[in-house]
Amino acid sequence: MCIVPDLPGHGESREQRFSIRSCADELLAYLEKQHGDKDVTVIGFSLGSQVALQMVAQNSRRISRVMLNSASVHPLPMMKKVITPLMYVSHPLVKWRTFSKL
């Protein structure tokens, strides 16, 4: 069975606040409720890999295998100052069809 969660702040849950720790808590609680003692493999890409890493840190007994791809595991303080302005500046480019095709 493969489960693909809709992370808070994304997709259908975009109105919810996102934190790596709370997301890991919710996913671990879901796995415990739905899958009991079964072996669990967690795969995470980018932000999902940070959530997967947090899940392992919180409850390593629960997860038997992990695959992480593109996890930034070192905090980058300067990025907090840069990301928000970049999002506002780059968002209109997504709507520009020529740019999107490039």
PDB file of N, CA and C in Angstrom:
ATOM      1  N   MET A   1       0.847  -1.175   0.000  1.00  0.00           N
ATOM      2  CA  MET A   1       0.000   0.000   0.000  1.00  0.00           C
ATOM      3  C   MET A   1       0.893   1.238   0.000  1.00  0.00           C
ATOM      4  N   CYS A   2       0.514   2.223  -0.764  1.00  0.00           N
ATOM      5  CA  CYS A   2       1.259   3.482  -0.857  1.00  0.00           C
ATOM      6  C   CYS A   2       0.327   4.612  -0.425  1.00  0.00           C
ATOM      7  N   ILE A   3       0.791   5.431   0.497  1.00  0.00           N
ATOM      8  CA  ILE A   3       0.009   6.568   0.986  1.00  0.00           C
ATOM      9  C   ILE A   3       0.754   7.842   0.599  1.00  0.00           C
ATOM     10  N   VAL A   4       0.055   8.759  -0.047  1.00  0.00           N
ATOM     11  CA  VAL A   4       0.645  10.044  -0.429  1.00  0.00           C
ATOM     12  C   VAL A   4      -0.142  11.126   0.307  1.00  0.00           C
ATOM     13  N   PRO A   5       0.419  11.659   1.378  1.00  0.00           N
ATOM     14  CA  PRO A   5      -0.334  12.644   2.165  1.00  0.00           C
ATOM     15  C   PRO A   5      -0.396  14.011   1.492  1.00  0.00           C
ATOM     16  N   ASP A   6      -1.465  14.713   1.767  1.00  0.00           N
ATOM     17  CA  ASP A   6      -1.629  16.099   1.352  1.00  0.00           C
ATOM     18  C   ASP A   6      -1.117  16.933   2.526  1.00  0.00           C
ATOM     19  N   LEU A   7       0.114  17.436   2.413  1.00  0.00           N
ATOM     20  CA  LEU A   7       0.715  18.166   3.524  1.00  0.00           C
ATOM     21  C   LEU A   7      -0.027  19.461   3.807  1.00  0.00           C
ATOM     22  N   PRO A   8      -0.176  19.821   5.081  1.00  0.00           N
ATOM     23  CA  PRO A   8      -0.795  21.101   5.421  1.00  0.00           C
ATOM     24  C   PRO A   8      -0.067  22.235   4.713  1.00  0.00           C
ATOM     25  N   GLY A   9      -0.826  23.198   4.206  1.00  0.00           N
ATOM     26  CA  GLY A   9      -0.239  24.309   3.482  1.00  0.00           C
ATOM     27  C   GLY A   9      -0.048  24.029   1.999  1.00  0.00           C
ATOM     28  N   HIS A  10      -0.471  22.844   1.545  1.00  0.00           N
ATOM     29  CA  HIS A  10      -0.296  22.431   0.155  1.00  0.00           C
ATOM     30  C   HIS A  10      -1.597  21.802  -0.342  1.00  0.00           C
ATOM     31  N   GLY A  11      -1.783  21.753  -1.649  1.00  0.00           N
ATOM     32  CA  GLY A  11      -2.922  21.052  -2.247  1.00  0.00           C
ATOM     33  C   GLY A  11      -4.254  21.462  -1.647  1.00  0.00           C
ATOM     34  N   GLU A  12      -5.052  20.456  -1.278  1.00  0.00           N
ATOM     35  CA  GLU A  12      -6.379  20.709  -0.693  1.00  0.00           C
ATOM     36  C   GLU A  12      -6.284  21.293   0.713  1.00  0.00           C
ATOM     37  N   SER A  13      -5.113  21.222   1.327  1.00  0.00           N
ATOM     38  CA  SER A  13      -4.922  21.696   2.708  1.00  0.00           C
ATOM     39  C   SER A  13      -4.144  23.005   2.760  1.00  0.00           C
ATOM     40  N   ARG A  14      -4.173  23.770   1.687  1.00  0.00           N
ATOM     41  CA  ARG A  14      -3.305  24.951   1.614  1.00  0.00           C
ATOM     42  C   ARG A  14      -3.655  26.032   2.623  1.00  0.00           C
ATOM     43  N   GLU A  15      -4.840  26.002   3.200  1.00  0.00           N
ATOM     44  CA  GLU A  15      -5.231  27.016   4.183  1.00  0.00           C
ATOM     45  C   GLU A  15      -4.674  26.707   5.572  1.00  0.00           C
ATOM     46  N   GLN A  16      -4.206  25.486   5.790  1.00  0.00           N
ATOM     47  CA  GLN A  16      -3.682  25.092   7.100  1.00  0.00           C
ATOM     48  C   GLN A  16      -2.235  25.542   7.244  1.00  0.00           C
ATOM     49  N   ARG A  17      -1.835  25.825   8.491  1.00  0.00           N
ATOM     50  CA  ARG A  17      -0.434  26.180   8.747  1.00  0.00           C
ATOM     51  C   ARG A  17       0.412  24.916   8.723  1.00  0.00           C
ATOM     52  N   PHE A  18       1.623  25.044   8.216  1.00  0.00           N
ATOM     53  CA  PHE A  18       2.527  23.909   8.085  1.00  0.00           C
ATOM     54  C   PHE A  18       3.711  24.060   9.020  1.00  0.00           C
ATOM     55  N   SER A  19       4.042  22.975   9.700  1.00  0.00           N
ATOM     56  CA  SER A  19       5.322  22.878  10.398  1.00  0.00           C
ATOM     57  C   SER A  19       5.798  21.437  10.243  1.00  0.00           C
ATOM     58  N   ILE A  20       7.075  21.277  10.132  1.00  0.00           N
ATOM     59  CA  ILE A  20       7.638  19.943   9.932  1.00  0.00           C
ATOM     60  C   ILE A  20       7.289  19.044  11.112  1.00  0.00           C
ATOM     61  N   ARG A  21       7.448  19.549  12.332  1.00  0.00           N
ATOM     62  CA  ARG A  21       7.178  18.750  13.523  1.00  0.00           C
ATOM     63  C   ARG A  21       5.716  18.321  13.617  1.00  0.00           C
ATOM     64  N   SER A  22       4.777  19.262  13.389  1.00  0.00           N
ATOM     65  CA  SER A  22       3.358  18.892  13.508  1.00  0.00           C
ATOM     66  C   SER A  22       2.945  17.932  12.400  1.00  0.00           C
ATOM     67  N   CYS A  23       3.510  18.101  11.219  1.00  0.00           N
ATOM     68  CA  CYS A  23       3.208  17.199  10.114  1.00  0.00           C
ATOM     69  C   CYS A  23       3.717  15.789  10.440  1.00  0.00           C
ATOM     70  N   ALA A  24       4.938  15.703  10.982  1.00  0.00           N
ATOM     71  CA  ALA A  24       5.486  14.404  11.377  1.00  0.00           C
ATOM     72  C   ALA A  24       4.622  13.764  12.454  1.00  0.00           C
ATOM     73  N   ASP A  25       4.162  14.553  13.422  1.00  0.00           N
ATOM     74  CA  ASP A  25       3.275  14.041  14.477  1.00  0.00           C
ATOM     75  C   ASP A  25       2.009  13.440  13.877  1.00  0.00           C
ATOM     76  N   GLU A  26       1.383  14.171  12.959  1.00  0.00           N
ATOM     77  CA  GLU A  26       0.134  13.709  12.341  1.00  0.00           C
ATOM     78  C   GLU A  26       0.346  12.427  11.535  1.00  0.00           C
ATOM     79  N   LEU A  27       1.424  12.386  10.766  1.00  0.00           N
ATOM     80  CA  LEU A  27       1.687  11.195   9.952  1.00  0.00           C
ATOM     81  C   LEU A  27       2.004   9.983  10.815  1.00  0.00           C
ATOM     82  N   LEU A  28       2.771  10.169  11.882  1.00  0.00           N
ATOM     83  CA  LEU A  28       3.068   9.050  12.787  1.00  0.00           C
ATOM     84  C   LEU A  28       1.792   8.554  13.466  1.00  0.00           C
ATOM     85  N   ALA A  29       0.920   9.473  13.873  1.00  0.00           N
ATOM     86  CA  ALA A  29      -0.349   9.082  14.500  1.00  0.00           C
ATOM     87  C   ALA A  29      -1.212   8.314  13.503  1.00  0.00           C
ATOM     88  N   TYR A  30      -1.256   8.773  12.259  1.00  0.00           N
ATOM     89  CA  TYR A  30      -2.013   8.081  11.215  1.00  0.00           C
ATOM     90  C   TYR A  30      -1.480   6.669  11.007  1.00  0.00           C
ATOM     91  N   LEU A  31      -0.166   6.542  10.879  1.00  0.00           N
ATOM     92  CA  LEU A  31       0.441   5.220  10.667  1.00  0.00           C
ATOM     93  C   LEU A  31       0.143   4.283  11.836  1.00  0.00           C
ATOM     94  N   GLU A  32       0.218   4.801  13.037  1.00  0.00           N
ATOM     95  CA  GLU A  32      -0.057   3.979  14.224  1.00  0.00           C
ATOM     96  C   GLU A  32      -1.500   3.493  14.220  1.00  0.00           C
ATOM     97  N   LYS A  33      -2.426   4.393  13.899  1.00  0.00           N
ATOM     98  CA  LYS A  33      -3.852   4.059  13.906  1.00  0.00           C
ATOM     99  C   LYS A  33      -4.216   3.090  12.779  1.00  0.00           C
ATOM    100  N   GLN A  34      -3.723   3.365  11.582  1.00  0.00           N
ATOM    101  CA  GLN A  34      -4.129   2.592  10.411  1.00  0.00           C
ATOM    102  C   GLN A  34      -3.326   1.311  10.187  1.00  0.00           C
ATOM    103  N   HIS A  35      -2.085   1.296  10.625  1.00  0.00           N
ATOM    104  CA  HIS A  35      -1.216   0.183  10.253  1.00  0.00           C
ATOM    105  C   HIS A  35      -0.557  -0.530  11.422  1.00  0.00           C
ATOM    106  N   GLY A  36      -0.891  -0.150  12.640  1.00  0.00           N
ATOM    107  CA  GLY A  36      -0.423  -0.857  13.822  1.00  0.00           C
ATOM    108  C   GLY A  36       1.059  -1.176  13.825  1.00  0.00           C
ATOM    109  N   ASP A  37       1.382  -2.481  13.850  1.00  0.00           N
ATOM    110  CA  ASP A  37       2.775  -2.910  13.966  1.00  0.00           C
ATOM    111  C   ASP A  37       3.424  -3.270  12.634  1.00  0.00           C
ATOM    112  N   LYS A  38       2.787  -2.976  11.530  1.00  0.00           N
ATOM    113  CA  LYS A  38       3.356  -3.315  10.216  1.00  0.00           C
ATOM    114  C   LYS A  38       4.628  -2.514   9.950  1.00  0.00           C
ATOM    115  N   ASP A  39       5.537  -3.116   9.166  1.00  0.00           N
ATOM    116  CA  ASP A  39       6.727  -2.399   8.729  1.00  0.00           C
ATOM    117  C   ASP A  39       6.320  -1.225   7.846  1.00  0.00           C
ATOM    118  N   VAL A  40       6.979  -0.104   8.032  1.00  0.00           N
ATOM    119  CA  VAL A  40       6.664   1.090   7.263  1.00  0.00           C
ATOM    120  C   VAL A  40       7.933   1.595   6.582  1.00  0.00           C
ATOM    121  N   THR A  41       7.816   1.886   5.301  1.00  0.00           N
ATOM    122  CA  THR A  41       8.876   2.538   4.542  1.00  0.00           C
ATOM    123  C   THR A  41       8.405   3.947   4.239  1.00  0.00           C
ATOM    124  N   VAL A  42       9.240   4.928   4.560  1.00  0.00           N
ATOM    125  CA  VAL A  42       8.886   6.321   4.330  1.00  0.00           C
ATOM    126  C   VAL A  42       9.811   6.876   3.253  1.00  0.00           C
ATOM    127  N   ILE A  43       9.212   7.508   2.244  1.00  0.00           N
ATOM    128  CA  ILE A  43       9.972   8.117   1.159  1.00  0.00           C
ATOM    129  C   ILE A  43       9.625   9.600   1.133  1.00  0.00           C
ATOM    130  N   GLY A  44      10.646  10.429   1.117  1.00  0.00           N
ATOM    131  CA  GLY A  44      10.403  11.858   1.093  1.00  0.00           C
ATOM    132  C   GLY A  44      11.268  12.562   0.071  1.00  0.00           C
ATOM    133  N   PHE A  45      10.675  13.530  -0.599  1.00  0.00           N
ATOM    134  CA  PHE A  45      11.392  14.337  -1.579  1.00  0.00           C
ATOM    135  C   PHE A  45      11.302  15.792  -1.162  1.00  0.00           C
ATOM    136  N   SER A  46      12.420  16.493  -1.097  1.00  0.00           N
ATOM    137  CA  SER A  46      12.494  17.899  -0.763  1.00  0.00           C
ATOM    138  C   SER A  46      11.869  18.155   0.612  1.00  0.00           C
ATOM    139  N   LEU A  47      10.789  18.917   0.681  1.00  0.00           N
ATOM    140  CA  LEU A  47      10.158  19.201   1.963  1.00  0.00           C
ATOM    141  C   LEU A  47       9.672  17.906   2.621  1.00  0.00           C
ATOM    142  N   GLY A  48       9.178  16.980   1.812  1.00  0.00           N
ATOM    143  CA  GLY A  48       8.739  15.684   2.336  1.00  0.00           C
ATOM    144  C   GLY A  48       9.877  14.915   2.974  1.00  0.00           C
ATOM    145  N   SER A  49      11.091  15.092   2.490  1.00  0.00           N
ATOM    146  CA  SER A  49      12.223  14.397   3.098  1.00  0.00           C
ATOM    147  C   SER A  49      12.560  14.991   4.456  1.00  0.00           C
ATOM    148  N   GLN A  50      12.322  16.273   4.627  1.00  0.00           N
ATOM    149  CA  GLN A  50      12.529  16.878   5.944  1.00  0.00           C
ATOM    150  C   GLN A  50      11.491  16.365   6.944  1.00  0.00           C
ATOM    151  N   VAL A  51      10.265  16.177   6.463  1.00  0.00           N
ATOM    152  CA  VAL A  51       9.221  15.605   7.316  1.00  0.00           C
ATOM    153  C   VAL A  51       9.579  14.158   7.658  1.00  0.00           C
ATOM    154  N   ALA A  52      10.029  13.386   6.678  1.00  0.00           N
ATOM    155  CA  ALA A  52      10.415  11.994   6.911  1.00  0.00           C
ATOM    156  C   ALA A  52      11.557  11.902   7.912  1.00  0.00           C
ATOM    157  N   LEU A  53      12.528  12.783   7.797  1.00  0.00           N
ATOM    158  CA  LEU A  53      13.647  12.804   8.736  1.00  0.00           C
ATOM    159  C   LEU A  53      13.161  13.110  10.149  1.00  0.00           C
ATOM    160  N   GLN A  54      12.215  14.038  10.276  1.00  0.00           N
ATOM    161  CA  GLN A  54      11.636  14.353  11.584  1.00  0.00           C
ATOM    162  C   GLN A  54      10.871  13.154  12.143  1.00  0.00           C
ATOM    163  N   MET A  55      10.158  12.429  11.271  1.00  0.00           N
ATOM    164  CA  MET A  55       9.429  11.236  11.709  1.00  0.00           C
ATOM    165  C   MET A  55      10.388  10.204  12.296  1.00  0.00           C
ATOM    166  N   VAL A  56      11.513   9.999  11.641  1.00  0.00           N
ATOM    167  CA  VAL A  56      12.511   9.041  12.128  1.00  0.00           C
ATOM    168  C   VAL A  56      13.092   9.520  13.453  1.00  0.00           C
ATOM    169  N   ALA A  57      13.358  10.812  13.565  1.00  0.00           N
ATOM    170  CA  ALA A  57      13.910  11.368  14.805  1.00  0.00           C
ATOM    171  C   ALA A  57      12.942  11.204  15.973  1.00  0.00           C
ATOM    172  N   GLN A  58      11.645  11.307  15.699  1.00  0.00           N
ATOM    173  CA  GLN A  58      10.639  11.197  16.752  1.00  0.00           C
ATOM    174  C   GLN A  58      10.313   9.756  17.114  1.00  0.00           C
ATOM    175  N   ASN A  59      10.373   8.849  16.150  1.00  0.00           N
ATOM    176  CA  ASN A  59       9.949   7.479  16.421  1.00  0.00           C
ATOM    177  C   ASN A  59      10.640   6.515  15.464  1.00  0.00           C
ATOM    178  N   SER A  60      11.915   6.275  15.675  1.00  0.00           N
ATOM    179  CA  SER A  60      12.684   5.434  14.758  1.00  0.00           C
ATOM    180  C   SER A  60      12.266   3.966  14.806  1.00  0.00           C
ATOM    181  N   ARG A  61      11.638   3.514  15.896  1.00  0.00           N
ATOM    182  CA  ARG A  61      11.188   2.118  15.998  1.00  0.00           C
ATOM    183  C   ARG A  61      10.055   1.825  15.013  1.00  0.00           C
ATOM    184  N   ARG A  62       9.288   2.839  14.707  1.00  0.00           N
ATOM    185  CA  ARG A  62       8.083   2.684  13.881  1.00  0.00           C
ATOM    186  C   ARG A  62       8.402   2.516  12.396  1.00  0.00           C
ATOM    187  N   ILE A  63       9.543   3.049  11.973  1.00  0.00           N
ATOM    188  CA  ILE A  63       9.882   3.092  10.552  1.00  0.00           C
ATOM    189  C   ILE A  63      11.052   2.153  10.279  1.00  0.00           C
ATOM    190  N   SER A  64      10.851   1.212   9.356  1.00  0.00           N
ATOM    191  CA  SER A  64      11.897   0.229   9.086  1.00  0.00           C
ATOM    192  C   SER A  64      12.860   0.666   7.979  1.00  0.00           C
ATOM    193  N   ARG A  65      12.387   1.471   7.037  1.00  0.00           N
ATOM    194  CA  ARG A  65      13.229   1.928   5.930  1.00  0.00           C
ATOM    195  C   ARG A  65      12.864   3.368   5.574  1.00  0.00           C
ATOM    196  N   VAL A  66      13.881   4.123   5.123  1.00  0.00           N
ATOM    197  CA  VAL A  66      13.657   5.516   4.738  1.00  0.00           C
ATOM    198  C   VAL A  66      14.466   5.817   3.488  1.00  0.00           C
ATOM    199  N   MET A  67      13.856   6.540   2.558  1.00  0.00           N
ATOM    200  CA  MET A  67      14.589   7.049   1.411  1.00  0.00           C
ATOM    201  C   MET A  67      14.367   8.559   1.361  1.00  0.00           C
ATOM    202  N   LEU A  68      15.451   9.307   1.431  1.00  0.00           N
ATOM    203  CA  LEU A  68      15.376  10.769   1.415  1.00  0.00           C
ATOM    204  C   LEU A  68      16.032  11.287   0.150  1.00  0.00           C
ATOM    205  N   ASN A  69      15.395  12.266  -0.472  1.00  0.00           N
ATOM    206  CA  ASN A  69      15.941  12.876  -1.679  1.00  0.00           C
ATOM    207  C   ASN A  69      15.809  14.389  -1.550  1.00  0.00           C
ATOM    208  N   SER A  70      16.896  15.084  -1.719  1.00  0.00           N
ATOM    209  CA  SER A  70      16.924  16.556  -1.692  1.00  0.00           C
ATOM    210  C   SER A  70      16.494  17.136  -0.348  1.00  0.00           C
ATOM    211  N   ALA A  71      16.996  16.554   0.717  1.00  0.00           N
ATOM    212  CA  ALA A  71      16.694  17.088   2.054  1.00  0.00           C
ATOM    213  C   ALA A  71      17.739  18.112   2.436  1.00  0.00           C
ATOM    214  N   SER A  72      17.314  19.302   2.778  1.00  0.00           N
ATOM    215  CA  SER A  72      18.223  20.309   3.307  1.00  0.00           C
ATOM    216  C   SER A  72      18.233  20.129   4.816  1.00  0.00           C
ATOM    217  N   VAL A  73      19.306  19.576   5.341  1.00  0.00           N
ATOM    218  CA  VAL A  73      19.342  19.250   6.767  1.00  0.00           C
ATOM    219  C   VAL A  73      20.111  20.271   7.588  1.00  0.00           C
ATOM    220  N   HIS A  74      20.703  21.246   6.924  1.00  0.00           N
ATOM    221  CA  HIS A  74      21.392  22.324   7.629  1.00  0.00           C
ATOM    222  C   HIS A  74      20.577  23.600   7.487  1.00  0.00           C
ATOM    223  N   PRO A  75      20.204  24.229   8.614  1.00  0.00           N
ATOM    224  CA  PRO A  75      19.434  25.471   8.511  1.00  0.00           C
ATOM    225  C   PRO A  75      20.221  26.548   7.757  1.00  0.00           C
ATOM    226  N   LEU A  76      19.532  27.274   6.938  1.00  0.00           N
ATOM    227  CA  LEU A  76      20.142  28.377   6.194  1.00  0.00           C
ATOM    228  C   LEU A  76      19.443  29.671   6.604  1.00  0.00           C
ATOM    229  N   PRO A  77      19.928  30.334   7.673  1.00  0.00           N
ATOM    230  CA  PRO A  77      19.237  31.519   8.204  1.00  0.00           C
ATOM    231  C   PRO A  77      18.970  32.604   7.167  1.00  0.00           C
ATOM    232  N   MET A  78      19.895  32.797   6.242  1.00  0.00           N
ATOM    233  CA  MET A  78      19.713  33.854   5.255  1.00  0.00           C
ATOM    234  C   MET A  78      18.523  33.566   4.329  1.00  0.00           C
ATOM    235  N   MET A  79      18.199  32.285   4.127  1.00  0.00           N
ATOM    236  CA  MET A  79      17.118  31.932   3.222  1.00  0.00           C
ATOM    237  C   MET A  79      15.775  32.466   3.690  1.00  0.00           C
ATOM    238  N   LYS A  80      15.565  32.589   4.996  1.00  0.00           N
ATOM    239  CA  LYS A  80      14.303  33.135   5.493  1.00  0.00           C
ATOM    240  C   LYS A  80      14.079  34.550   4.958  1.00  0.00           C
ATOM    241  N   LYS A  81      15.164  35.305   4.836  1.00  0.00           N
ATOM    242  CA  LYS A  81      15.059  36.682   4.359  1.00  0.00           C
ATOM    243  C   LYS A  81      14.887  36.748   2.845  1.00  0.00           C
ATOM    244  N   VAL A  82      15.308  35.713   2.146  1.00  0.00           N
ATOM    245  CA  VAL A  82      15.320  35.729   0.685  1.00  0.00           C
ATOM    246  C   VAL A  82      14.089  35.062   0.068  1.00  0.00           C
ATOM    247  N   ILE A  83      13.624  33.965   0.656  1.00  0.00           N
ATOM    248  CA  ILE A  83      12.556  33.152   0.058  1.00  0.00           C
ATOM    249  C   ILE A  83      11.255  33.932  -0.155  1.00  0.00           C
ATOM    250  N   THR A  84      10.771  34.618   0.858  1.00  0.00           N
ATOM    251  CA  THR A  84       9.482  35.307   0.733  1.00  0.00           C
ATOM    252  C   THR A  84       9.493  36.350  -0.384  1.00  0.00           C
ATOM    253  N   PRO A  85      10.496  37.248  -0.430  1.00  0.00           N
ATOM    254  CA  PRO A  85      10.497  38.202  -1.555  1.00  0.00           C
ATOM    255  C   PRO A  85      10.611  37.506  -2.914  1.00  0.00           C
ATOM    256  N   LEU A  86      11.388  36.441  -3.006  1.00  0.00           N
ATOM    257  CA  LEU A  86      11.518  35.723  -4.276  1.00  0.00           C
ATOM    258  C   LEU A  86      10.198  35.108  -4.714  1.00  0.00           C
ATOM    259  N   MET A  87       9.424  34.611  -3.771  1.00  0.00           N
ATOM    260  CA  MET A  87       8.127  34.026  -4.103  1.00  0.00           C
ATOM    261  C   MET A  87       7.203  35.088  -4.710  1.00  0.00           C
ATOM    262  N   TYR A  88       7.171  36.268  -4.100  1.00  0.00           N
ATOM    263  CA  TYR A  88       6.311  37.338  -4.614  1.00  0.00           C
ATOM    264  C   TYR A  88       6.755  37.806  -6.001  1.00  0.00           C
ATOM    265  N   VAL A  89       8.051  37.862  -6.213  1.00  0.00           N
ATOM    266  CA  VAL A  89       8.577  38.334  -7.492  1.00  0.00           C
ATOM    267  C   VAL A  89       8.396  37.289  -8.590  1.00  0.00           C
ATOM    268  N   SER A  90       8.582  36.009  -8.256  1.00  0.00           N
ATOM    269  CA  SER A  90       8.553  34.965  -9.283  1.00  0.00           C
ATOM    270  C   SER A  90       7.151  34.421  -9.581  1.00  0.00           C
ATOM    271  N   HIS A  91       6.212  34.594  -8.685  1.00  0.00           N
ATOM    272  CA  HIS A  91       4.872  34.031  -8.883  1.00  0.00           C
ATOM    273  C   HIS A  91       4.206  34.493 -10.189  1.00  0.00           C
ATOM    274  N   PRO A  92       4.270  35.770 -10.560  1.00  0.00           N
ATOM    275  CA  PRO A  92       3.649  36.179 -11.835  1.00  0.00           C
ATOM    276  C   PRO A  92       4.250  35.469 -13.049  1.00  0.00           C
ATOM    277  N   LEU A  93       5.499  35.032 -12.952  1.00  0.00           N
ATOM    278  CA  LEU A  93       6.133  34.342 -14.074  1.00  0.00           C
ATOM    279  C   LEU A  93       5.452  33.010 -14.384  1.00  0.00           C
ATOM    280  N   VAL A  94       4.902  32.377 -13.379  1.00  0.00           N
ATOM    281  CA  VAL A  94       4.218  31.096 -13.574  1.00  0.00           C
ATOM    282  C   VAL A  94       3.022  31.262 -14.502  1.00  0.00           C
ATOM    283  N   LYS A  95       2.353  32.384 -14.417  1.00  0.00           N
ATOM    284  CA  LYS A  95       1.166  32.641 -15.247  1.00  0.00           C
ATOM    285  C   LYS A  95       1.529  33.044 -16.678  1.00  0.00           C
ATOM    286  N   TRP A  96       2.765  33.402 -16.905  1.00  0.00           N
ATOM    287  CA  TRP A  96       3.230  33.820 -18.217  1.00  0.00           C
ATOM    288  C   TRP A  96       3.558  32.570 -19.023  1.00  0.00           C
ATOM    289  N   ARG A  97       2.740  32.234 -20.000  1.00  0.00           N
ATOM    290  CA  ARG A  97       2.818  30.972 -20.736  1.00  0.00           C
ATOM    291  C   ARG A  97       4.194  30.745 -21.377  1.00  0.00           C
ATOM    292  N   THR A  98       4.761  31.764 -21.978  1.00  0.00           N
ATOM    293  CA  THR A  98       6.074  31.617 -22.626  1.00  0.00           C
ATOM    294  C   THR A  98       7.139  31.228 -21.613  1.00  0.00           C
ATOM    295  N   PHE A  99       7.131  31.877 -20.467  1.00  0.00           N
ATOM    296  CA  PHE A  99       8.103  31.557 -19.426  1.00  0.00           C
ATOM    297  C   PHE A  99       7.888  30.135 -18.911  1.00  0.00           C
ATOM    298  N   SER A 100       6.633  29.745 -18.726  1.00  0.00           N
ATOM    299  CA  SER A 100       6.321  28.412 -18.231  1.00  0.00           C
ATOM    300  C   SER A 100       6.834  27.329 -19.183  1.00  0.00           C
ATOM    301  N   LYS A 101       6.734  27.579 -20.491  1.00  0.00           N
ATOM    302  CA  LYS A 101       7.210  26.610 -21.466  1.00  0.00           C
ATOM    303  C   LYS A 101       8.735  26.491 -21.447  1.00  0.00           C
ATOM    304  N   LEU A 102       9.407  27.586 -21.145  1.00  0.00           N
ATOM    305  CA  LEU A 102      10.868  27.544 -21.065  1.00  0.00           C
ATOM    306  C   LEU A 102      11.294  26.670 -19.920  1.00  0.00           C
TER     307      LEU A 102
END
